[in-house]
Protein backbone atom coordinates (compact mmCIF):
# COMPACT_ATOMS: atom_id res chain seq x y z
CA MET A 1 -12.51 4.39 -12.16
CA ILE A 2 -9.08 3.31 -10.78
CA PRO A 3 -8.91 6.13 -8.18
CA VAL A 4 -12.33 5.07 -6.91
CA LEU A 5 -11.15 1.45 -6.66
CA ALA A 6 -8.05 2.63 -4.82
CA THR A 7 -10.16 4.64 -2.43
CA ILE A 8 -12.37 1.59 -1.69
CA ILE A 9 -9.31 -0.58 -1.12
CA ARG A 10 -7.74 2.04 1.19
CA ALA A 11 -10.96 2.40 3.20
CA SER A 12 -11.28 -1.42 3.49
CA TRP A 13 -7.71 -1.63 4.68
CA ILE A 14 -8.42 0.90 7.41
CA LEU A 15 -11.70 -0.81 8.41
CA ILE A 16 -9.86 -4.11 8.82
CA GLU A 17 -6.70 -2.89 10.47
CA VAL A 18 -8.08 -0.52 13.08
CA PRO A 19 -10.14 -3.19 14.92
CA TYR A 20 -7.12 -5.54 14.82
CA LEU A 21 -4.97 -2.89 16.43
CA ARG A 22 -7.52 -2.40 19.20
CA ARG A 23 -7.61 -6.14 19.84
CA TYR A 24 -4.14 -6.21 21.46
CA ARG A 25 -4.08 -2.72 22.96
CA VAL A 26 -2.24 -2.46 26.30
CA GLU A 27 -1.24 0.42 28.51
CA PRO A 28 2.54 0.48 28.57
CA ALA A 29 4.39 0.88 31.81
CA LYS A 30 6.92 3.10 30.00
CA ASP A 31 6.57 5.52 27.11
CA TRP A 32 8.45 3.61 24.46
CA ASP A 33 6.54 5.30 21.62
CA LYS A 34 8.14 8.76 21.75
CA GLY A 35 5.32 10.28 19.68
CA SER A 36 5.75 7.95 16.71
CA ALA A 37 2.08 6.97 16.76
CA ASN A 38 1.12 10.67 16.53
CA LEU A 39 3.34 11.06 13.46
CA TRP A 40 1.67 8.03 11.89
CA ASP A 41 -1.73 9.51 12.71
CA PHE A 42 -0.67 12.78 11.06
CA ALA A 43 0.21 10.88 7.89
CA ASN A 44 -3.24 9.26 8.00
CA ALA A 45 -4.87 12.63 8.40
CA ILE A 46 -3.26 14.39 5.45
CA GLU A 47 -3.45 11.49 2.99
CA PRO A 48 -7.11 12.24 2.11
CA ILE A 49 -6.11 15.78 1.04
CA GLY A 50 -3.97 14.26 -1.71
CA MET A 51 -6.77 11.93 -2.68
CA ILE A 52 -9.25 14.85 -2.95
CA LEU A 53 -6.78 16.77 -5.10
CA GLY A 54 -6.44 13.67 -7.19
CA PHE A 55 -10.16 13.48 -7.76
CA ALA A 56 -10.14 17.18 -8.64
CA ASN A 57 -7.40 16.57 -11.25
CA ILE A 58 -5.22 19.17 -9.59
CA GLY A 59 -1.61 18.13 -10.24
CA ARG A 60 -2.36 15.17 -12.46
CA PHE A 61 0.39 13.48 -14.42
CA GLN A 62 0.43 14.73 -17.99
CA THR A 63 1.49 11.44 -19.55
CA GLY A 64 1.50 7.76 -18.78
CA SER A 65 -1.50 7.65 -16.50
CA ASN A 66 -2.98 4.66 -18.32
CA LEU A 67 0.09 2.65 -17.26
CA ILE A 68 0.71 4.28 -13.88
CA ARG A 69 -2.78 3.86 -12.44
CA PRO A 70 -2.91 0.04 -12.82
CA LEU A 71 0.67 -0.20 -11.50
CA GLY A 72 -0.54 1.77 -8.52
CA ILE A 73 -3.38 -0.64 -7.80
CA ALA A 74 -0.93 -3.58 -8.03
CA LEU A 75 1.45 -1.90 -5.62
CA LEU A 76 -1.39 -1.02 -3.24
CA LEU A 77 -2.60 -4.60 -3.15
CA GLY A 78 0.92 -6.07 -2.98
CA GLY A 79 1.88 -3.73 -0.17
CA ILE A 80 -1.22 -4.54 1.83
CA ALA A 81 -0.50 -8.25 1.40
CA ILE A 82 3.08 -7.79 2.64
CA ARG A 83 1.90 -5.69 5.59
CA TRP A 84 -0.78 -8.24 6.62
CA THR A 85 1.65 -11.09 6.30
CA ALA A 86 3.95 -9.30 8.73
CA ILE A 87 1.09 -8.29 11.06
CA LEU A 88 -0.22 -11.87 11.31
CA THR A 89 3.27 -13.13 11.98
CA LEU A 90 3.74 -10.69 14.86
CA GLY A 91 0.30 -11.51 16.29
CA LYS A 92 -0.15 -9.89 19.70
CA TYR A 93 3.13 -7.99 19.37
CA PHE A 94 1.69 -5.78 16.58
CA THR A 95 0.34 -2.59 18.14
CA SER A 96 -0.42 0.97 17.13
CA ARG A 97 2.10 2.36 19.62
CA VAL A 98 5.62 1.15 20.33
CA VAL A 99 5.12 -1.14 23.29
CA ILE A 100 7.33 -3.66 25.00
CA LYS A 101 5.12 -6.28 26.61
CA ASP A 102 5.98 -8.26 29.78
CA ASP A 103 6.35 -11.45 27.75
CA HIS A 104 7.93 -9.77 24.71
CA ARG A 105 9.91 -12.06 22.40
CA LEU A 106 11.86 -11.37 19.25
CA VAL A 107 9.98 -12.70 16.23
CA ARG A 108 12.23 -14.18 13.54
CA ALA A 109 9.66 -16.11 11.57
CA GLY A 110 8.25 -15.40 8.10
CA LEU A 111 9.34 -12.08 6.60
CA TYR A 112 11.07 -11.22 9.85
CA LYS A 113 13.83 -13.68 8.89
CA TYR A 114 14.88 -11.16 6.24
CA LEU A 115 13.63 -7.76 7.44
CA ARG A 116 13.27 -6.05 10.78
CA HIS A 117 10.24 -3.98 9.65
CA PRO A 118 8.32 -5.78 6.90
CA ALA A 119 5.00 -4.24 8.01
CA TYR A 120 6.45 -0.83 7.21
CA THR A 121 7.83 -2.12 3.91
CA GLY A 122 4.32 -3.23 3.02
CA ALA A 123 2.76 0.02 4.18
CA LEU A 124 5.17 2.10 2.16
CA ILE A 125 4.66 0.07 -0.99
CA ALA A 126 0.89 0.32 -0.47
CA HIS A 127 0.93 4.06 0.07
CA LEU A 128 3.18 4.53 -2.96
CA GLY A 129 0.67 2.46 -4.92
CA LEU A 130 -2.23 4.53 -3.63
CA GLY A 131 -0.54 7.75 -4.76
CA LEU A 132 0.30 6.32 -8.15
CA SER A 133 -3.25 5.02 -8.68
CA PHE A 134 -4.40 8.62 -8.88
CA ALA A 135 -1.68 9.53 -11.39
CA ASN A 136 -1.38 12.78 -9.50
CA TRP A 137 1.67 14.53 -7.99
CA PHE A 138 -0.22 15.73 -4.85
CA SER A 139 -1.78 12.32 -4.31
CA LEU A 140 1.60 10.64 -4.71
CA THR A 141 3.36 13.09 -2.41
CA LEU A 142 0.71 13.22 0.35
CA SER A 143 0.18 9.40 0.20
CA PHE A 144 3.86 8.44 0.41
CA VAL A 145 6.14 11.07 1.88
CA PRO A 146 4.43 11.49 5.29
CA TYR A 147 4.41 7.71 5.79
CA LEU A 148 8.08 7.51 4.81
CA VAL A 149 8.96 10.15 7.40
CA ALA A 150 6.75 8.44 10.03
CA ALA A 151 8.17 4.99 9.28
CA LEU A 152 11.81 6.12 9.39
CA TYR A 153 11.27 7.79 12.75
CA ARG A 154 9.21 4.92 14.13
CA MET A 155 11.78 2.35 13.05
CA ARG A 156 14.46 4.21 15.02
CA VAL A 157 12.18 4.44 18.07
CA GLU A 158 11.27 0.72 17.86
CA GLU A 159 14.86 -0.37 17.45
CA LEU A 160 16.01 1.62 20.52
CA ALA A 161 13.16 0.13 22.57
CA LEU A 162 13.86 -3.40 21.40
CA ARG A 163 17.59 -3.02 21.94
CA GLU A 164 16.95 -1.79 25.46
CA ALA A 165 14.43 -4.52 26.25
CA LEU A 166 16.01 -7.52 24.48
CA GLY A 167 19.70 -6.58 24.63
CA GLU A 168 22.26 -8.58 22.66
CA GLU A 169 19.63 -10.79 21.10
CA TYR A 170 18.26 -7.77 19.22
CA VAL A 171 21.75 -6.49 18.38
CA TYR A 172 22.64 -9.80 16.74
CA TYR A 173 19.31 -9.88 14.89
CA SER A 174 19.91 -6.36 13.60
CA ARG A 175 23.29 -7.42 12.20
CA ASP A 176 21.64 -10.29 10.28
CA THR A 177 18.69 -8.40 8.80
CA LYS A 178 17.96 -5.17 6.91
CA ARG A 179 15.23 -2.68 7.88
CA LEU A 180 13.01 -2.36 4.81
CA ILE A 181 14.58 -3.81 1.66
CA PRO A 182 16.33 -7.20 1.73
CA ARG A 183 20.07 -6.91 1.26
CA VAL A 184 19.82 -3.13 0.65
CA TYR A 185 18.40 -1.17 3.61
C-alpha cells in the first residue's frame, strides 16, 4: 500500500511541477545550462525502473520495512514541501534550465537566507523518501543517486552562472550560506 501511495504522490508532484516550469520558460541568450537539465531528465527517466523493481520485490530490504516505508513517505512529503517553498520564493527565477534573465536578482528571502539551493535540498530529501518508501535497494538507489549526481553538477553550473552574472554580490552571498544543509554543506 505505501509504495502505491508514494507513486501517486510522485506522479502528483510531476503533474504540478511541470506546468509551473513551463509558465516561466524563456529562451536564454547564452547557454548557461551546460547540459544540467539533460542530466536531471536522465534521473527522471531511470527513477521508474527502481519503482518497478520495488513493486516486483526485487532487491527488497530484508528487515525493517514496516518502519522504513512510513519514514519514506514522511521524507517524500517533507522534501516536496521544502522544494515548493523554495520554488514559490524564487517565483519567475525558477526554471528547468539554468537561465540568467535580463532582470535577474539574487533572492535572499525565505529558505534562501540559509541555503543557496533549498529546492535541491527538498528534491533530494523527497527522492530519498521515495526510494525508502519502497523498502528496496534498487528503488532507493535509482530514486536518489541519479538526482544527487544531477544536483551536485547543476549546483556547480548555477553558481558559476550566478557568479558571472551577479559578481561580488553572489560571492558574498556564497560566503554567508551553505549549499544544501544549513551550517554543514
